[in-house]
Amino acid sequence: MKDHNYLWQPVMQWMERIKKHFTAKGFTLHYDTTKSLKFFIADIIEQAVKREKKEQGTMCADTVLQYMVGAKLSLVLGRQKIKPLGHSVTDGSARGSGDFEIEDVIIHVATIPSEGLLRKCKRNIEKGQRPIIITPENGMAGALVQAKGQDIEQNVDILDAGQFIAMNLYNLSQFKASNRKLAVDKFIERYNEMVSECETNQRLRIRLKNRWGICGRDFLRYFHRDSWN
């Protein structure tokens, strides 16, 4: 009996890890062919905002958006050119000039662009850099007001996050309906990889939900990776 328990112990531990992984309450992308790609991005951000309101002291909306933008850039430029940062690094501290730096372009990501962020953009401009602010649609008007307050509205690009990411997904799918789901799957896969590299909190991950309730790729990757601890 002792030998029997010894043999089953690793199996039970393995099953417990799977259970913890798939029951961790992350975010869920409910893929629906009738919905726009921009809608999916907005829905994930809204889930993060609702979590912040429900769990006081939890700040994750900016983090989720930063990783989504990072995943999009990584798919376009390659992983080696995009260095993801952990969510504990906040704007104005160790991030340097911005969230992402590509050549002379400095990309700032924020759900609600602040006056401090626009001051940072002004410093970018003074250094000869080209700042871009990526924010949800409801953050664009405020960002423009802040830009005018810093007298840099003609020098900074303020882009809708949903459109910024959705356009890339269309490019990845070559605008073919048959490829669109695969493009979304690749995007979520890259997002989750970046989260796994920098975060210990599985609740930042995104599940691409199908009829079984979980993404088939996500389940299969579990058997080949040991990064869920």
Protein backbone atom coordinates (compact mmCIF):
# COMPACT_ATOMS: atom_id res chain seq x y z
CA MET A 1 0.00 0.00 0.00
CA LYS A 2 2.89 2.30 0.81
CA ASP A 3 4.39 1.75 -2.66
CA HIS A 4 0.99 2.37 -4.23
CA ASN A 5 0.67 5.78 -2.54
CA TYR A 6 4.23 6.64 -3.53
CA LEU A 7 3.43 6.02 -7.19
CA TRP A 8 0.22 8.07 -7.12
CA GLN A 9 1.64 11.07 -5.25
CA PRO A 10 3.31 12.72 -8.29
CA VAL A 11 0.14 12.18 -10.33
CA MET A 12 -2.04 13.82 -7.67
CA GLN A 13 0.35 16.75 -7.38
CA TRP A 14 0.28 17.16 -11.14
CA MET A 15 -3.53 17.10 -11.22
CA GLU A 16 -3.66 19.68 -8.43
CA ARG A 17 -1.41 22.00 -10.42
CA ILE A 18 -3.69 21.69 -13.45
CA LYS A 19 -6.72 22.43 -11.28
CA LYS A 20 -5.09 25.54 -9.79
CA HIS A 21 -4.01 26.75 -13.21
CA PHE A 22 -7.42 26.49 -14.86
CA THR A 23 -9.45 27.66 -11.87
CA ALA A 24 -7.35 30.80 -11.33
CA LYS A 25 -9.75 33.59 -12.17
CA GLY A 26 -8.08 35.44 -15.00
CA PHE A 27 -9.72 37.33 -17.83
CA THR A 28 -11.76 35.67 -20.56
CA LEU A 29 -12.03 36.53 -24.21
CA HIS A 30 -15.30 35.09 -25.51
CA TYR A 31 -14.57 34.77 -29.20
CA ASP A 32 -17.61 35.54 -31.34
CA THR A 33 -17.37 35.98 -35.11
CA THR A 34 -20.17 38.55 -35.03
CA LYS A 35 -18.18 40.90 -32.78
CA SER A 36 -15.49 43.32 -33.93
CA LEU A 37 -11.86 42.74 -32.99
CA LYS A 38 -11.84 46.13 -31.31
CA PHE A 39 -14.73 44.96 -29.10
CA PHE A 40 -12.62 42.08 -27.74
CA ILE A 41 -9.84 44.47 -26.69
CA ALA A 42 -12.32 46.84 -25.03
CA ASP A 43 -14.02 43.94 -23.25
CA ILE A 44 -10.76 42.69 -21.69
CA ILE A 45 -9.91 46.20 -20.48
CA GLU A 46 -13.42 46.56 -19.03
CA GLN A 47 -12.98 43.28 -17.14
CA ALA A 48 -9.76 44.67 -15.63
CA VAL A 49 -11.45 47.96 -14.71
CA LYS A 50 -14.31 46.07 -13.01
CA ARG A 51 -11.78 44.04 -11.03
CA GLU A 52 -10.14 47.25 -9.82
CA LYS A 53 -13.49 48.57 -8.63
CA LYS A 54 -14.45 45.29 -6.97
CA GLU A 55 -11.08 44.67 -5.31
CA GLN A 56 -9.91 47.93 -3.81
CA GLY A 57 -6.17 48.32 -3.98
CA THR A 58 -5.93 46.16 -7.10
CA MET A 59 -4.47 48.03 -10.07
CA CYS A 60 -4.41 45.92 -13.21
CA ALA A 61 -6.12 47.74 -16.11
CA ASP A 62 -2.98 49.60 -17.19
CA THR A 63 -0.94 46.42 -16.75
CA VAL A 64 -3.27 44.38 -18.95
CA LEU A 65 -3.28 47.06 -21.65
CA GLN A 66 0.53 47.33 -21.52
CA TYR A 67 0.91 43.59 -22.05
CA MET A 68 -1.63 43.61 -24.89
CA VAL A 69 0.27 46.40 -26.63
CA GLY A 70 3.52 44.54 -25.95
CA ALA A 71 2.09 41.35 -27.47
CA LYS A 72 0.99 43.25 -30.56
CA LEU A 73 4.43 44.86 -30.98
CA SER A 74 6.15 41.54 -30.34
CA LEU A 75 4.16 39.84 -33.10
CA VAL A 76 5.13 42.61 -35.53
CA LEU A 77 8.76 43.21 -34.58
CA GLY A 78 9.83 39.95 -32.91
CA ARG A 79 10.21 39.07 -29.23
CA GLN A 80 13.84 40.15 -28.99
CA LYS A 81 12.96 43.80 -29.69
CA ILE A 82 10.22 44.07 -27.08
CA LYS A 83 11.20 43.90 -23.42
CA PRO A 84 8.14 43.44 -21.19
CA LEU A 85 8.21 44.96 -17.70
CA GLY A 86 6.57 43.63 -14.56
CA HIS A 87 3.47 45.49 -13.35
CA SER A 88 5.26 46.60 -10.18
CA VAL A 89 7.25 49.06 -12.30
CA THR A 90 5.04 52.10 -12.52
CA ASP A 91 5.09 55.12 -14.79
CA GLY A 92 7.65 57.67 -13.65
CA SER A 93 10.02 55.24 -11.93
CA ALA A 94 12.13 52.60 -13.66
CA ARG A 95 10.36 52.62 -16.99
CA GLY A 96 12.76 55.21 -18.39
CA SER A 97 11.32 57.27 -21.22
CA GLY A 98 8.22 55.16 -21.76
CA ASP A 99 6.65 51.71 -21.67
CA PHE A 100 8.27 50.70 -24.97
CA GLU A 101 11.17 52.29 -26.82
CA ILE A 102 11.65 51.46 -30.52
CA GLU A 103 14.30 53.51 -32.34
CA ASP A 104 13.29 57.15 -31.70
CA VAL A 105 9.65 56.23 -30.97
CA ILE A 106 8.58 56.21 -27.31
CA ILE A 107 5.30 54.42 -26.63
CA HIS A 108 3.29 55.27 -23.51
CA VAL A 109 0.35 53.05 -22.54
CA ALA A 110 -2.34 54.22 -20.11
CA THR A 111 -6.06 53.67 -19.64
CA ILE A 112 -6.37 57.23 -18.28
CA PRO A 113 -3.49 59.44 -19.47
CA SER A 114 -2.40 61.80 -16.67
CA GLU A 115 -0.86 65.24 -16.67
CA GLY A 116 2.38 63.61 -15.53
CA LEU A 117 2.35 61.33 -18.57
CA LEU A 118 1.99 64.30 -20.90
CA ARG A 119 4.86 66.05 -19.15
CA LYS A 120 6.91 62.96 -19.85
CA CYS A 121 5.88 63.19 -23.52
CA LYS A 122 7.05 66.79 -23.56
CA ARG A 123 10.45 65.69 -22.25
CA ASN A 124 10.56 63.05 -24.99
CA ILE A 125 9.98 65.74 -27.59
CA GLU A 126 12.66 67.97 -26.11
CA LYS A 127 15.11 65.08 -26.48
CA GLY A 128 14.21 64.67 -30.15
CA GLN A 129 12.10 61.57 -29.55
CA ARG A 130 8.66 60.86 -31.01
CA PRO A 131 6.07 60.01 -28.31
CA ILE A 132 2.94 57.97 -28.90
CA ILE A 133 0.16 57.54 -26.35
CA ILE A 134 -1.96 54.40 -26.67
CA THR A 135 -5.17 54.58 -24.66
CA PRO A 136 -8.74 53.26 -24.85
CA GLU A 137 -11.26 55.31 -26.81
CA ASN A 138 -12.65 56.92 -23.65
CA GLY A 139 -9.17 58.14 -22.68
CA MET A 140 -8.39 59.93 -25.92
CA ALA A 141 -10.31 63.16 -25.26
CA GLY A 142 -8.65 63.64 -21.89
CA ALA A 143 -5.23 62.94 -23.37
CA LEU A 144 -5.79 65.58 -26.03
CA VAL A 145 -6.81 68.15 -23.41
CA GLN A 146 -3.67 67.35 -21.43
CA ALA A 147 -1.57 67.60 -24.60
CA LYS A 148 -2.99 71.05 -25.33
CA GLY A 149 -2.20 72.06 -21.76
CA GLN A 150 1.44 71.14 -22.41
CA ASP A 151 1.31 72.81 -25.87
CA ILE A 152 2.35 69.57 -27.59
CA GLU A 153 -0.91 68.53 -29.28
CA GLN A 154 0.81 68.78 -32.69
CA ASN A 155 3.81 66.73 -31.58
CA VAL A 156 2.32 63.64 -29.95
CA ASP A 157 0.23 60.89 -31.54
CA ILE A 158 -2.73 59.77 -29.43
CA LEU A 159 -4.01 56.42 -30.68
CA ASP A 160 -7.06 54.33 -29.83
CA ALA A 161 -5.77 51.11 -28.24
CA GLY A 162 -8.54 48.97 -29.73
CA GLN A 163 -7.87 50.17 -33.27
CA PHE A 164 -4.10 49.96 -32.77
CA ILE A 165 -4.30 46.26 -31.83
CA ALA A 166 -7.23 45.27 -34.06
CA MET A 167 -5.52 46.53 -37.22
CA ASN A 168 -2.55 44.29 -36.50
CA LEU A 169 -4.83 41.27 -36.03
CA TYR A 170 -6.38 41.95 -39.43
CA ASN A 171 -2.90 42.14 -40.94
CA LEU A 172 -1.87 38.89 -39.27
CA SER A 173 -4.97 37.17 -40.65
CA GLN A 174 -4.34 38.71 -44.10
CA PHE A 175 -7.95 39.92 -43.79
CA LYS A 176 -9.20 36.35 -44.31
CA ALA A 177 -12.13 35.25 -42.17
CA SER A 178 -10.67 31.74 -41.98
CA ASN A 179 -7.45 33.11 -40.40
CA ARG A 180 -8.99 35.60 -37.98
CA LYS A 181 -9.51 33.22 -35.06
CA LEU A 182 -5.92 31.96 -35.44
CA ALA A 183 -4.62 35.56 -35.35
CA VAL A 184 -6.53 36.21 -32.12
CA ASP A 185 -5.21 32.96 -30.68
CA LYS A 186 -1.60 33.92 -31.51
CA PHE A 187 -2.12 37.33 -29.94
CA ILE A 188 -3.48 35.88 -26.68
CA GLU A 189 -0.75 33.24 -26.65
CA ARG A 190 1.95 35.91 -26.93
CA TYR A 191 0.24 38.03 -24.26
CA ASN A 192 0.20 35.08 -21.85
CA GLU A 193 3.83 34.27 -22.60
CA MET A 194 4.84 37.82 -21.69
CA VAL A 195 2.80 37.69 -18.49
CA SER A 196 4.45 34.37 -17.56
CA GLU A 197 7.90 35.87 -18.12
CA CYS A 198 7.32 38.86 -15.85
CA GLU A 199 4.48 38.08 -13.44
CA THR A 200 3.71 35.55 -10.74
CA ASN A 201 0.01 36.48 -10.75
CA GLN A 202 -1.86 34.07 -13.05
CA ARG A 203 -4.96 36.22 -12.75
CA LEU A 204 -3.48 38.55 -15.36
CA ARG A 205 -3.66 35.81 -17.97
CA ILE A 206 -6.36 35.73 -20.65
CA ARG A 207 -8.30 32.63 -21.64
CA LEU A 208 -9.62 32.37 -25.17
CA LYS A 209 -12.86 30.60 -24.49
CA ASN A 210 -14.27 27.94 -26.80
CA ARG A 211 -17.04 25.39 -26.43
CA TRP A 212 -14.98 23.46 -23.85
CA GLY A 213 -14.52 26.57 -21.74
CA ILE A 214 -10.74 26.81 -22.19
CA CYS A 215 -8.39 27.35 -25.08
CA GLY A 216 -7.21 24.00 -26.45
CA ARG A 217 -3.69 25.38 -27.08
CA ASP A 218 -3.46 26.61 -23.50
CA PHE A 219 -4.27 23.13 -22.21
CA LEU A 220 -1.75 21.42 -24.49
CA ARG A 221 1.00 23.88 -23.59
CA TYR A 222 0.57 22.85 -19.97
CA PHE A 223 2.12 19.49 -20.75
CA HIS A 224 5.26 21.11 -22.20
CA ARG A 225 5.93 23.97 -19.81
CA ASP A 226 6.67 24.24 -16.14
CA SER A 227 5.95 27.94 -15.58
CA TRP A 228 2.59 27.84 -13.81
CA ASN A 229 3.96 27.88 -10.25
